[in-house]
Protein backbone atom coordinates (compact mmCIF):
# COMPACT_ATOMS: atom_id res chain seq x y z
CA MET A 1 -34.85 42.94 -5.89
CA GLY A 2 -36.99 39.52 -5.59
CA ASN A 3 -35.60 36.31 -6.91
CA ASP A 4 -38.52 36.10 -9.86
CA LYS A 5 -37.54 39.63 -10.89
CA LYS A 6 -34.00 38.55 -11.19
CA ILE A 7 -34.79 35.84 -13.47
CA SER A 8 -37.25 37.85 -15.77
CA LEU A 9 -34.74 40.30 -16.14
CA MET A 10 -31.59 37.45 -17.00
CA ASN A 11 -34.42 36.47 -19.28
CA ASN A 12 -35.36 39.22 -20.97
CA ALA A 13 -31.72 40.49 -20.92
CA ASN A 14 -30.06 40.20 -24.64
CA TRP A 15 -27.78 37.64 -25.15
CA PHE A 16 -25.00 37.39 -27.79
CA ASP A 17 -23.32 34.08 -28.82
CA LEU A 18 -19.61 34.97 -28.88
CA ASN A 19 -18.39 31.65 -30.33
CA GLN A 20 -16.53 30.47 -33.15
CA ALA A 21 -18.31 27.19 -34.39
CA MET A 22 -16.67 24.25 -33.85
CA SER A 23 -15.88 21.45 -36.14
CA ILE A 24 -13.57 18.77 -37.52
CA ASP A 25 -13.43 21.94 -40.30
CA THR A 26 -12.02 24.34 -37.71
CA PRO A 27 -8.15 24.59 -38.25
CA PRO A 28 -6.15 23.76 -35.25
CA TRP A 29 -3.29 25.70 -34.06
CA PRO A 30 -0.51 25.30 -36.89
CA GLY A 31 1.01 21.79 -35.92
CA GLU A 32 -1.82 20.42 -33.74
CA LEU A 33 -4.55 18.13 -33.50
CA PRO A 34 -7.18 19.14 -35.63
CA LEU A 35 -10.82 17.61 -33.98
CA GLN A 36 -11.52 14.27 -35.23
CA VAL A 37 -15.04 12.29 -34.39
CA GLN A 38 -16.33 9.45 -34.79
CA PHE A 39 -19.44 6.92 -34.04
CA PHE A 40 -17.59 4.20 -32.11
CA LYS A 41 -21.50 2.87 -31.57
CA ARG A 42 -24.97 3.17 -32.94
CA LEU A 43 -28.59 2.89 -32.14
CA THR A 44 -28.92 -0.60 -32.88
CA GLY A 45 -25.29 -1.40 -32.56
CA SER A 46 -25.73 -2.87 -28.85
CA TYR A 47 -23.63 -5.97 -29.46
CA ILE A 48 -25.13 -7.69 -26.24
CA GLY A 49 -28.74 -7.02 -27.24
CA GLY A 50 -31.53 -4.40 -27.16
CA GLN A 51 -30.62 -1.00 -28.64
CA GLY A 52 -27.74 0.82 -28.48
CA ALA A 53 -27.23 4.50 -28.86
CA ASN A 54 -25.24 6.98 -31.04
CA GLY A 55 -22.04 7.16 -28.91
CA GLN A 56 -19.05 9.12 -30.45
CA LEU A 57 -15.54 9.27 -29.64
CA ILE A 58 -13.57 12.31 -30.39
CA GLU A 59 -10.03 13.20 -30.21
CA TRP A 60 -8.98 17.16 -29.66
CA SER A 61 -6.65 19.98 -29.05
CA ASN A 62 -7.82 22.18 -26.40
CA ASN A 63 -6.38 25.02 -28.92
CA THR A 64 -8.53 24.45 -31.18
CA GLY A 65 -11.95 26.82 -31.72
CA THR A 66 -13.13 28.90 -28.28
CA HIS A 67 -11.25 28.41 -25.85
CA LEU A 68 -9.61 29.67 -22.67
CA VAL A 69 -5.93 29.71 -22.05
CA GLY A 70 -5.01 29.43 -18.47
CA PRO A 71 -2.32 29.77 -16.42
CA ARG A 72 -0.34 26.36 -16.20
CA ALA A 73 -0.37 26.77 -20.10
CA PHE A 74 2.56 28.76 -19.49
CA ASN A 75 3.75 27.97 -15.94
CA SER A 76 3.03 24.56 -14.85
CA GLY A 77 2.91 25.32 -11.46
CA GLN A 78 -0.04 27.68 -11.85
CA LYS A 79 -3.74 26.74 -11.59
CA ALA A 80 -5.53 24.06 -13.10
CA ILE A 81 -8.60 25.29 -15.68
CA ALA A 82 -10.68 23.78 -12.50
CA ASP A 83 -9.09 25.49 -10.09
CA ILE A 84 -10.29 29.10 -11.88
CA PRO A 85 -13.73 30.20 -10.59
CA LEU A 86 -16.45 31.11 -12.20
CA THR A 87 -16.12 34.99 -9.98
CA ASP A 88 -12.40 35.36 -12.50
CA LEU A 89 -14.36 34.57 -15.45
CA CYS A 90 -17.85 36.26 -15.20
CA GLY A 91 -18.03 40.08 -14.63
CA GLU A 92 -18.71 43.82 -16.29
CA ALA A 93 -16.99 43.86 -19.48
CA VAL A 94 -15.29 46.29 -22.43
CA VAL A 95 -15.83 45.06 -25.91
CA VAL A 96 -14.04 46.89 -27.88
CA ASP A 97 -14.04 47.45 -32.22
CA ILE A 98 -10.31 48.25 -33.20
CA SER A 99 -10.93 46.22 -37.00
CA GLU A 100 -9.91 50.18 -38.58
CA GLU A 101 -7.10 50.56 -37.12
CA VAL A 102 -4.95 47.21 -37.56
CA SER A 103 -3.70 45.14 -40.54
CA ASP A 104 -1.62 42.25 -41.04
CA TYR A 105 1.29 41.58 -39.01
CA SER A 106 0.36 45.15 -36.84
CA LEU A 107 -0.02 46.37 -33.57
CA TYR A 108 -2.75 47.53 -31.46
CA THR A 109 -1.84 49.40 -28.17
CA PRO A 110 -3.34 50.36 -24.99
CA GLU A 111 -4.05 53.58 -26.58
CA MET A 112 -6.20 52.12 -29.60
CA ILE A 113 -8.36 50.45 -26.56
CA THR A 114 -8.65 53.76 -24.33
CA SER A 115 -9.53 55.97 -27.12
CA ARG A 116 -12.40 54.03 -27.97
CA VAL A 117 -14.28 52.64 -24.59
CA GLU A 118 -13.63 53.13 -20.94
CA VAL A 119 -11.53 50.36 -19.40
CA LYS A 120 -12.21 49.99 -15.80
CA GLN A 121 -9.52 48.22 -13.10
CA GLY A 122 -10.85 44.90 -12.92
CA ASP A 123 -12.38 45.06 -16.70
CA ILE A 124 -12.76 41.62 -18.86
CA LEU A 125 -11.80 42.71 -22.20
CA ILE A 126 -13.24 41.90 -25.75
CA ILE A 127 -11.11 43.07 -28.75
CA ASN A 128 -12.21 42.48 -31.78
CA THR A 129 -9.87 43.22 -33.91
CA GLY A 130 -11.84 42.19 -37.50
CA TYR A 131 -9.98 39.35 -38.24
CA HIS A 132 -12.79 36.68 -37.45
CA LYS A 133 -13.69 37.91 -40.95
CA TYR A 134 -11.22 34.25 -41.45
CA GLY A 135 -12.20 32.32 -39.58
CA TRP A 136 -13.27 28.87 -40.85
CA ASP A 137 -17.21 29.37 -40.89
CA GLN A 138 -17.29 32.89 -42.78
CA PRO A 139 -17.86 33.85 -45.86
CA ASP A 140 -14.80 34.02 -47.83
CA VAL A 141 -12.36 37.37 -48.59
CA TYR A 142 -12.07 38.73 -52.02
CA ASN A 143 -8.18 39.58 -52.70
CA LYS A 144 -7.14 40.36 -56.35
CA GLU A 145 -3.16 40.32 -54.66
CA ALA A 146 -3.93 36.37 -53.02
CA GLN A 147 -3.74 33.23 -55.20
CA GLY A 148 -6.75 32.78 -56.60
CA GLY A 149 -8.55 36.13 -55.63
CA ILE A 150 -9.25 34.90 -52.17
CA GLU A 151 -7.55 35.59 -49.07
CA ASN A 152 -6.55 32.23 -47.59
CA LYS A 153 -8.43 31.79 -44.45
CA GLU A 154 -5.85 29.97 -42.01
CA PHE A 155 -2.67 32.09 -42.68
CA GLY A 156 -5.01 35.76 -41.52
CA TYR A 157 -6.25 33.88 -38.79
CA TYR A 158 -3.39 32.12 -37.66
CA LEU A 159 -0.48 33.92 -39.04
CA ARG A 160 -1.46 37.60 -40.07
CA HIS A 161 -3.32 38.89 -37.43
CA PRO A 162 -2.49 41.49 -35.26
CA GLY A 163 -0.74 41.21 -31.53
CA PRO A 164 -0.29 43.53 -28.62
CA SER A 165 2.11 45.92 -28.40
CA PRO A 166 5.55 45.52 -25.97
CA GLU A 167 3.78 47.78 -23.32
CA PHE A 168 0.49 46.57 -23.94
CA PHE A 169 0.56 43.19 -21.31
CA ASP A 170 2.23 45.53 -18.65
CA TRP A 171 -0.84 47.65 -19.11
CA ALA A 172 -3.17 45.09 -18.67
CA ILE A 173 -1.83 44.01 -15.41
CA LYS A 174 -1.46 46.99 -14.16
CA MET A 175 -5.19 47.16 -14.59
CA GLU A 176 -5.88 44.07 -12.99
CA LEU A 177 -7.84 43.06 -15.85
CA LYS A 178 -9.72 39.99 -15.29
CA LEU A 179 -9.31 38.20 -19.24
CA ILE A 180 -8.66 39.31 -22.36
CA GLY A 181 -10.35 37.69 -24.96
CA VAL A 182 -9.48 37.91 -28.92
CA ASP A 183 -11.58 36.87 -32.01
CA CYS A 184 -8.07 35.78 -34.04
CA GLY A 185 -6.24 32.69 -33.04
CA CYS A 186 -3.92 33.63 -30.29
CA ALA A 187 -4.39 36.53 -27.71
CA GLU A 188 -0.09 36.97 -28.59
CA HIS A 189 1.07 38.61 -32.00
CA PRO A 190 1.53 35.41 -33.87
CA MET A 191 5.21 35.83 -34.54
CA ASN A 192 5.84 35.59 -31.12
CA THR A 193 5.09 32.37 -30.43
CA ASN A 194 6.61 29.34 -32.32
CA LEU A 195 4.90 30.34 -35.72
CA ARG A 196 7.77 32.98 -36.24
CA TYR A 197 9.94 29.18 -37.03
CA MET A 198 7.36 27.40 -38.77
CA HIS A 199 6.87 30.27 -41.49
CA GLU A 200 9.97 32.05 -41.67
CA ARG A 201 8.15 33.99 -45.06
CA GLU A 202 6.07 35.05 -42.75
CA PHE A 203 8.04 36.20 -40.30
CA ALA A 204 10.15 38.50 -42.56
CA LYS A 205 7.29 40.05 -43.78
CA ALA A 206 5.96 40.83 -39.99
CA ASP A 207 9.85 41.87 -39.63
CA ALA A 208 9.75 44.15 -42.58
CA LYS A 209 6.54 45.89 -41.42
CA MET A 210 7.96 46.82 -37.84
CA LYS A 211 10.84 48.34 -39.28
CA ASP A 212 9.15 50.22 -42.06
CA THR A 213 6.51 51.27 -39.13
CA TYR A 214 8.72 51.67 -35.98
CA GLY A 215 12.33 52.03 -37.52
CA LYS A 216 13.21 48.86 -35.51
CA ALA A 217 13.52 45.28 -36.01
CA TRP A 218 11.20 42.90 -34.10
CA ASP A 219 13.50 41.53 -31.72
CA GLU A 220 14.78 44.99 -31.09
CA LEU A 221 11.03 46.24 -29.90
CA PHE A 222 10.31 42.11 -28.34
CA PRO A 223 13.78 40.61 -27.11
CA GLN A 224 12.97 37.45 -26.38
CA ASP A 225 14.60 36.65 -23.03
CA TRP A 226 12.01 39.75 -21.99
CA TYR A 227 8.56 38.43 -23.52
CA TYR A 228 9.59 35.23 -22.19
CA GLU A 229 9.55 36.67 -18.85
CA LEU A 230 6.25 38.58 -19.60
CA THR A 231 3.77 35.87 -21.01
CA HIS A 232 5.67 33.00 -19.33
CA ILE A 233 6.18 34.02 -15.93
CA THR A 234 4.88 37.68 -14.96
CA MET A 235 1.66 36.97 -16.33
CA PRO A 236 0.61 34.02 -15.33
CA LYS A 237 1.40 34.90 -11.43
CA SER A 238 -0.65 38.32 -12.01
CA GLY A 239 -3.63 35.60 -13.22
CA LEU A 240 -4.62 37.13 -15.69
CA LEU A 241 -6.41 34.98 -18.24
CA LEU A 242 -6.45 34.44 -22.36
CA ALA A 243 -9.71 33.42 -24.03
CA GLU A 244 -9.11 32.80 -27.72
CA SER A 245 -10.76 32.23 -31.25
CA LEU A 246 -13.88 34.34 -30.15
CA GLY A 247 -16.35 34.99 -33.54
CA GLY A 248 -20.13 34.52 -33.54
CA GLN A 249 -22.43 37.80 -33.22
CA ILE A 250 -19.29 39.97 -31.75
CA ASN A 251 -19.85 42.59 -34.74
CA GLU A 252 -23.00 43.43 -32.89
CA ILE A 253 -21.91 44.59 -29.71
CA GLY A 254 -18.39 46.68 -30.42
CA ASN A 255 -17.35 49.61 -28.25
CA GLN A 256 -19.98 49.27 -25.43
CA ARG A 257 -20.19 47.59 -21.99
CA VAL A 258 -21.64 44.46 -21.53
CA TRP A 259 -21.51 41.72 -19.14
CA ILE A 260 -19.72 38.68 -20.12
CA MET A 261 -19.62 35.05 -18.78
CA VAL A 262 -16.48 32.74 -19.65
CA GLN A 263 -17.80 28.98 -19.20
CA PRO A 264 -14.97 26.60 -19.88
CA LEU A 265 -14.96 23.34 -18.82
CA PRO A 266 -13.27 22.25 -15.50
CA PHE A 267 -10.76 20.14 -16.87
CA MET A 268 -8.30 18.90 -14.07
CA GLU A 269 -5.21 18.27 -15.91
CA VAL A 270 -4.56 20.83 -18.51
CA GLU A 271 -4.06 24.05 -19.15
CA SER A 272 -6.42 25.09 -21.98
CA ALA A 273 -10.07 24.54 -22.21
CA TRP A 274 -12.89 24.61 -24.53
CA CYS A 275 -15.18 27.30 -23.32
CA ARG A 276 -18.88 28.97 -24.00
CA VAL A 277 -18.21 32.68 -24.30
CA VAL A 278 -21.86 34.80 -24.23
CA ALA A 279 -22.42 38.69 -23.85
CA LEU A 280 -25.27 39.92 -21.65
CA SER A 281 -26.71 43.74 -21.98
CA ALA A 282 -29.26 45.22 -20.37
CA PRO A 283 -33.04 44.12 -21.26
CA GLU A 284 -35.13 47.24 -22.88
CA GLY A 285 -36.36 49.90 -20.14
CA MET A 286 -33.47 49.03 -18.06
CA GLU A 287 -29.85 51.21 -16.93
CA SER A 288 -26.66 48.73 -18.00
CA SER A 289 -25.29 50.44 -14.48
CA SER A 290 -28.26 48.71 -12.88
CA PHE A 291 -28.12 45.86 -14.85
CA PHE A 292 -24.54 44.94 -13.82
CA GLU A 293 -25.03 45.66 -9.72
CA MET A 294 -28.24 42.94 -10.41
CA MET A 295 -25.76 40.82 -12.20
CA ALA A 296 -22.70 41.57 -9.61
CA SER A 297 -25.25 40.32 -6.95
CA THR A 298 -26.59 37.47 -8.12
CA GLU A 299 -25.12 34.34 -6.88
CA MET A 300 -23.48 31.86 -9.33
CA LEU A 301 -24.04 28.24 -8.44
CA ASP A 302 -21.73 25.75 -10.16
CA MET A 303 -23.61 22.38 -10.87
CA THR A 304 -20.68 20.54 -12.73
CA LEU A 305 -18.43 17.51 -12.26
CA PRO A 306 -14.56 18.58 -12.30
CA PHE A 307 -13.48 16.98 -15.59
CA SER A 308 -10.55 14.60 -14.90
CA VAL A 309 -8.78 11.40 -16.42
CA GLN A 310 -10.18 9.80 -13.15
CA THR A 311 -14.04 9.84 -13.73
CA PRO A 312 -15.83 6.92 -14.61
CA GLN A 313 -17.36 6.59 -18.06
CA TRP A 314 -21.00 5.09 -18.86
CA ALA A 315 -20.43 0.83 -19.11
CA ASN A 316 -18.54 0.00 -22.00
CA TYR A 317 -17.67 3.58 -23.16
CA ILE A 318 -13.84 4.87 -23.65
CA PRO A 319 -12.72 7.07 -20.83
CA LEU A 320 -10.87 10.52 -21.03
CA SER A 321 -7.07 9.88 -21.83
CA ILE A 322 -4.53 12.66 -21.99
CA ASP A 323 -0.99 12.65 -23.44
CA TYR A 324 1.00 16.59 -23.55
CA THR A 325 1.90 17.26 -26.81
CA LYS A 326 4.15 20.42 -25.93
CA ARG A 327 5.87 21.30 -22.76
CA VAL A 328 6.33 25.02 -21.50
CA GLY A 329 10.29 24.21 -21.44
CA GLY A 330 10.60 22.28 -24.74
CA GLN A 331 10.96 24.23 -27.31
CA TYR A 332 14.38 25.01 -28.45
CA PHE A 333 13.66 28.46 -29.46
CA GLY A 334 12.32 29.71 -25.80
CA MET A 335 8.96 30.29 -26.43
CA GLY A 336 7.30 27.05 -24.86
CA ARG A 337 3.68 26.49 -23.89
CA ASN A 338 1.98 23.40 -22.31
CA ASN A 339 -0.50 21.84 -24.40
CA ALA A 340 -2.46 17.98 -23.94
CA ASN A 341 -4.39 16.07 -26.99
CA CYS A 342 -7.48 14.56 -25.40
CA ARG A 343 -9.43 11.58 -26.49
CA ALA A 344 -12.51 10.53 -24.87
CA SER A 345 -16.18 9.59 -25.36
CA PHE A 346 -18.95 12.04 -24.10
CA HIS A 347 -20.74 10.05 -21.31
CA LEU A 348 -18.62 10.47 -18.28
CA ALA A 349 -18.49 13.78 -16.05
CA THR A 350 -21.44 16.10 -16.32
CA HIS A 351 -23.01 16.47 -20.01
CA MET A 352 -25.50 17.13 -22.18
CA ASP A 353 -26.67 14.59 -24.25
CA GLY A 354 -28.26 16.05 -27.62
CA GLU A 355 -30.57 15.03 -29.84
CA LYS A 356 -28.47 13.25 -32.25
CA HIS A 357 -27.38 10.69 -29.58
CA PHE A 358 -30.62 8.97 -30.11
CA SER A 359 -32.32 10.46 -32.75
CA ILE A 360 -29.99 11.16 -36.03
CA SER A 361 -32.57 13.79 -37.89
CA GLY A 362 -32.66 15.65 -34.63
CA ARG A 363 -29.77 18.77 -34.21
CA SER A 364 -26.18 18.23 -33.49
CA ILE A 365 -25.25 20.25 -30.25
CA GLY A 366 -23.58 22.93 -32.11
CA GLU A 367 -27.05 23.19 -34.38
CA THR A 368 -29.08 23.93 -31.17
CA PRO A 369 -29.19 28.15 -30.71
CA LEU A 370 -27.78 29.25 -27.20
CA ASP A 371 -31.67 30.67 -26.38
CA TYR A 372 -32.54 26.80 -26.11
CA TRP A 373 -29.68 26.45 -23.27
CA VAL A 374 -30.31 29.00 -21.30
CA GLY A 375 -33.89 30.25 -19.64
CA PRO A 376 -36.30 30.34 -16.27
CA GLY A 377 -36.02 26.72 -14.85
CA ALA A 378 -37.00 24.75 -11.50
CA LEU A 379 -34.80 22.91 -9.03
CA ALA A 380 -36.61 19.83 -7.29
CA ASP A 381 -35.20 18.29 -4.55
CA ILE A 382 -36.65 14.89 -4.32
CA SER A 383 -34.02 12.98 -2.21
CA ASP A 384 -35.62 12.28 1.06
CA LYS A 385 -38.10 10.79 -1.56
CA VAL A 386 -35.80 8.15 -3.43
CA SER A 387 -33.69 5.63 -2.70
CA ASP A 388 -31.40 2.65 -4.73
CA SER A 389 -33.42 1.52 -7.53
CA SER A 390 -36.72 3.26 -6.81
CA VAL A 391 -38.86 5.14 -8.93
CA TYR A 392 -39.38 9.33 -8.61
CA THR A 393 -42.97 10.32 -10.24
CA PRO A 394 -44.14 14.01 -11.43
CA GLU A 395 -46.18 14.11 -8.22
CA MET A 396 -42.65 13.93 -6.40
CA ILE A 397 -41.76 16.92 -8.52
CA GLU A 398 -44.85 19.06 -8.10
CA GLU A 399 -45.27 18.75 -4.23
CA VAL A 400 -41.51 20.58 -3.75
CA VAL A 401 -41.83 23.10 -6.58
CA ASP A 402 -43.36 24.99 -8.59
CA VAL A 403 -42.80 23.42 -12.40
CA GLN A 404 -43.88 26.15 -14.89
CA GLU A 405 -44.35 26.02 -19.23
CA ASN A 406 -40.93 25.97 -21.07
CA ASP A 407 -39.32 25.21 -17.92
CA ILE A 408 -35.24 24.10 -17.55
CA LEU A 409 -35.59 21.26 -14.77
CA ILE A 410 -33.07 19.93 -12.59
CA ILE A 411 -34.13 16.44 -10.27
CA LYS A 412 -31.98 16.19 -7.06
CA THR A 413 -32.11 13.05 -6.28
CA GLY A 414 -29.19 13.20 -3.94
CA TYR A 415 -27.00 10.39 -5.57
CA TYR A 416 -24.77 13.02 -6.29
CA LYS A 417 -23.07 12.18 -3.13
CA TYR A 418 -21.44 8.68 -4.46
CA GLY A 419 -20.16 10.34 -7.90
CA TRP A 420 -15.97 9.74 -8.10
CA ASN A 421 -15.06 13.09 -6.47
CA SER A 422 -17.12 12.50 -3.62
CA SER A 423 -15.56 11.38 -0.12
CA ASP A 424 -19.21 9.13 -0.02
CA SER A 425 -17.90 7.61 -3.43
CA ASN A 426 -19.93 4.44 -4.13
CA GLU A 427 -19.94 4.34 -8.15
CA PHE A 428 -21.60 1.14 -8.43
CA ARG A 429 -24.42 3.03 -6.58
CA TYR A 430 -24.09 6.44 -8.60
CA MET A 431 -24.05 3.99 -12.16
CA ILE A 432 -26.39 1.30 -11.64
CA LYS A 433 -28.90 1.88 -8.49
CA HIS A 434 -29.74 5.44 -8.97
CA PRO A 435 -33.21 6.20 -8.86
CA GLY A 436 -35.35 6.95 -12.39
CA PRO A 437 -38.57 8.10 -13.48
CA SER A 438 -41.70 6.33 -13.99
CA PRO A 439 -43.87 5.34 -17.31
CA ASP A 440 -46.02 8.52 -17.01
CA PHE A 441 -43.08 11.65 -16.61
CA ALA A 442 -41.76 11.46 -20.25
CA ASP A 443 -45.41 12.54 -21.13
CA TRP A 444 -46.01 14.84 -18.16
CA CYS A 445 -42.39 16.19 -19.56
CA VAL A 446 -44.20 17.04 -22.81
CA ASP A 447 -47.58 18.42 -21.19
CA LYS A 448 -45.08 20.66 -19.48
CA LYS A 449 -43.51 22.13 -22.45
CA ILE A 450 -40.03 21.04 -20.71
CA LYS A 451 -37.17 22.98 -22.61
CA TRP A 452 -34.21 19.92 -21.09
CA LEU A 453 -33.54 18.50 -18.00
CA GLY A 454 -30.81 17.64 -15.38
CA ILE A 455 -30.08 14.99 -13.41
CA ASP A 456 -27.43 14.59 -10.76
CA CYS A 457 -26.79 10.68 -10.83
CA VAL A 458 -25.14 8.92 -14.37
CA ALA A 459 -28.36 8.93 -16.57
CA MET A 460 -31.83 10.38 -16.32
CA GLU A 461 -32.97 6.56 -17.29
CA HIS A 462 -34.35 4.62 -14.25
CA PRO A 463 -30.39 2.00 -15.01
CA MET A 464 -33.13 -0.53 -15.17
CA ASN A 465 -34.46 0.30 -18.75
CA THR A 466 -30.75 0.46 -20.23
CA ILE A 467 -28.63 -2.21 -20.96
CA GLN A 468 -27.25 -2.32 -17.16
CA ARG A 469 -30.58 -4.67 -16.54
CA VAL A 470 -28.57 -7.02 -19.07
CA PHE A 471 -24.89 -6.43 -17.36
CA HIS A 472 -26.44 -6.64 -13.87
CA PRO A 473 -28.99 -8.99 -13.69
CA LYS A 474 -28.78 -9.35 -9.85
CA THR A 475 -29.60 -5.85 -9.59
CA PHE A 476 -32.37 -6.33 -12.04
CA GLU A 477 -33.88 -8.73 -9.87
CA GLU A 478 -33.54 -6.56 -6.76
CA ALA A 479 -34.85 -3.95 -8.61
CA GLU A 480 -38.16 -5.30 -9.87
CA ASN A 481 -38.77 -6.91 -6.08
CA LYS A 482 -38.58 -3.21 -5.12
CA LEU A 483 -41.19 -2.50 -7.83
CA HIS A 484 -43.40 -5.33 -7.06
CA ASP A 485 -43.87 -4.46 -3.68
CA GLN A 486 -44.41 -0.57 -4.29
CA TYR A 487 -46.69 -1.26 -6.94
CA GLY A 488 -47.72 -4.62 -7.55
CA LYS A 489 -46.51 -5.34 -11.23
CA ASP A 490 -43.42 -7.27 -12.66
CA TRP A 491 -40.22 -4.57 -14.48
CA ASP A 492 -41.69 -5.46 -17.78
CA GLU A 493 -45.16 -5.11 -16.97
CA MET A 494 -45.11 -1.86 -15.65
CA TYR A 495 -41.86 -0.84 -18.31
CA PRO A 496 -42.98 -2.70 -21.86
CA LEU A 497 -39.65 -2.60 -23.38
CA ASP A 498 -40.78 -1.97 -26.91
CA GLN A 499 -42.53 1.30 -25.38
CA TYR A 500 -39.86 2.29 -22.41
CA TYR A 501 -36.56 1.01 -23.03
CA GLN A 502 -34.54 3.97 -22.76
CA ASP A 503 -37.78 6.21 -22.52
CA MET A 504 -36.76 9.33 -21.55
CA HIS A 505 -34.37 9.20 -24.65
CA LEU A 506 -36.24 7.46 -26.98
CA ASN A 507 -39.51 9.20 -26.42
CA LEU A 508 -38.39 12.51 -25.90
CA PHE A 509 -35.17 13.38 -27.84
CA PRO A 510 -37.43 13.27 -30.96
CA LYS A 511 -39.49 15.92 -29.49
CA GLY A 512 -36.56 18.27 -28.67
CA ILE A 513 -36.27 17.13 -24.94
CA VAL A 514 -33.13 16.44 -23.96
CA HIS A 515 -31.28 16.11 -20.76
CA ALA A 516 -27.77 16.71 -18.96
CA GLU A 517 -26.21 14.14 -16.66
CA ASN A 518 -23.73 13.58 -14.08
CA LEU A 519 -24.71 17.66 -12.16
CA GLY A 520 -22.87 17.85 -9.06
CA GLY A 521 -20.98 20.63 -7.76
CA ASP A 522 -22.80 23.24 -6.15
CA LEU A 523 -26.37 21.33 -6.41
CA ALA A 524 -25.50 20.19 -2.83
CA HIS A 525 -26.20 22.66 -1.40
CA MET A 526 -28.88 24.34 -3.74
CA GLU A 527 -32.45 23.67 -2.36
CA SER A 528 -36.15 22.88 -4.06
CA GLY A 529 -36.84 26.95 -6.20
CA ARG A 530 -36.80 28.41 -8.93
CA TYR A 531 -33.25 29.64 -10.80
CA PHE A 532 -32.06 30.73 -13.83
CA ILE A 533 -29.84 27.96 -15.58
CA GLY A 534 -27.72 28.01 -18.48
CA CYS A 535 -26.15 25.01 -19.77
CA PHE A 536 -22.97 26.28 -21.73
CA VAL A 537 -21.44 23.86 -23.89
CA GLN A 538 -19.04 24.10 -27.06
CA LYS A 539 -20.79 24.81 -30.21
CA GLY A 540 -19.49 21.17 -31.52
CA MET A 541 -21.34 21.35 -35.36
CA GLU A 542 -21.32 17.58 -36.06
CA LEU A 543 -21.41 16.28 -31.88
CA ALA A 544 -24.41 14.30 -30.76
CA SER A 545 -23.43 15.77 -27.24
CA CYS A 546 -21.18 17.49 -25.30
CA TRP A 547 -19.41 18.12 -21.81
CA GLY A 548 -20.31 21.87 -20.66
CA ARG A 549 -20.56 24.37 -17.56
CA PHE A 550 -24.13 24.47 -16.06
CA VAL A 551 -24.81 27.16 -13.80
CA ALA A 552 -27.66 28.45 -11.61
CA TYR A 553 -28.33 31.92 -11.00
CA ARG A 554 -30.20 33.47 -7.91
């Protein structure tokens, strides 16, 4: 099957967004840090002159919202999120709806799964318990027995949801499942976590239910030393991964096979990370088995830089910092885990600038639908046409690749090789001397109806059309001399400030054409051509920009 045919089939497949909306209203895991968002910088607030940007600083715990739990969460010697290959996170999957068979505090068994669907060796398993109905972004659930006649969402979501039976994880390991995803607060039973001690009344109710249902007390069914060995040693070593707090369109794909993609931030230092989870089913007229074969034979090219405290941030932005608040050995009851609180501004590592970054009336990242983030696209390798502080043009792009209307466009300047994690790292060239677009480039993007853009350096703008021209007058002088030699014009003659200052932001974002910055990774080996491209960002409802996983398929 040809590449163009595969791109068309991926574009026509049925895409399902399985993420819960992420917000300052999203409850964190009990006792952990909720999402905090603040603007530390506004468009008119650049203190050194010229226009600034709407820059956000956030603090968060990785166990808030839809996230991937890596093996290092329970075993410090295992892989960090960045070490997990995409092939371990994507693949053929089965989604099972057991919502009619489970209730508060109950257990689900392998038999409940296999009686509804066929589970194959090596599958991804997504379990719909029905408890996503208690997600913060869902309508109220009425219960005349509850206080106020409405079920408490956070208690339902985090404390009362069902969990796996004693034999469940042993079964999952024997089946060599890649990953288990659940639509509630935890892939374990909440009473096999620290919540049994934080909420003793809830534990008493769960314990009573076990005695009534199975004739055994909780600790008879789940002896703590045995359960700790299973979940903190055996499971992490087996490579079994957990995705938690799924939601979105999960009810639309019950009891069927799909292709699942779990796309986490490639975090180097931490144990869990935000992720975007999507499911794909075959386009109309194509057998599911043929679609899965096609997806299995499609190469995934990860264009995302590792996310790390070592990643340099954009000038005058706040770098990433990490504070471990819990350690796997630090809980007195023996059920501890590693967990970190994080703090950063968005303009570091591979990220998507959303409309609100420069157009406050535009869409936030979370308000932007999934189908905007994925689609056919073109990669233009112009690395042999550009140099320090040079200008690239639409003609350079069209010389190397066929750009079609509504494409996603990725521009490879070659400056990825100067990024922080390269053996040829040169942060000054990467941040201050990378090439940038010509004055007609934004208009060309509008005429082409480009969906969104991506670039392999720190900014889609020419650095001398940003505040960097003020920070680095010597580099501005060098760039202006180069421009004059090439075009016979001074900088402000070719780029009048009122029209071209932060051109690719201010002239395109109000039109819905945004861009990703700091691409890298597999981009180094990619040639000009057509690809299917996906940006997988957390569904942040208040976020003006966000980090993500950027993947090309061919």
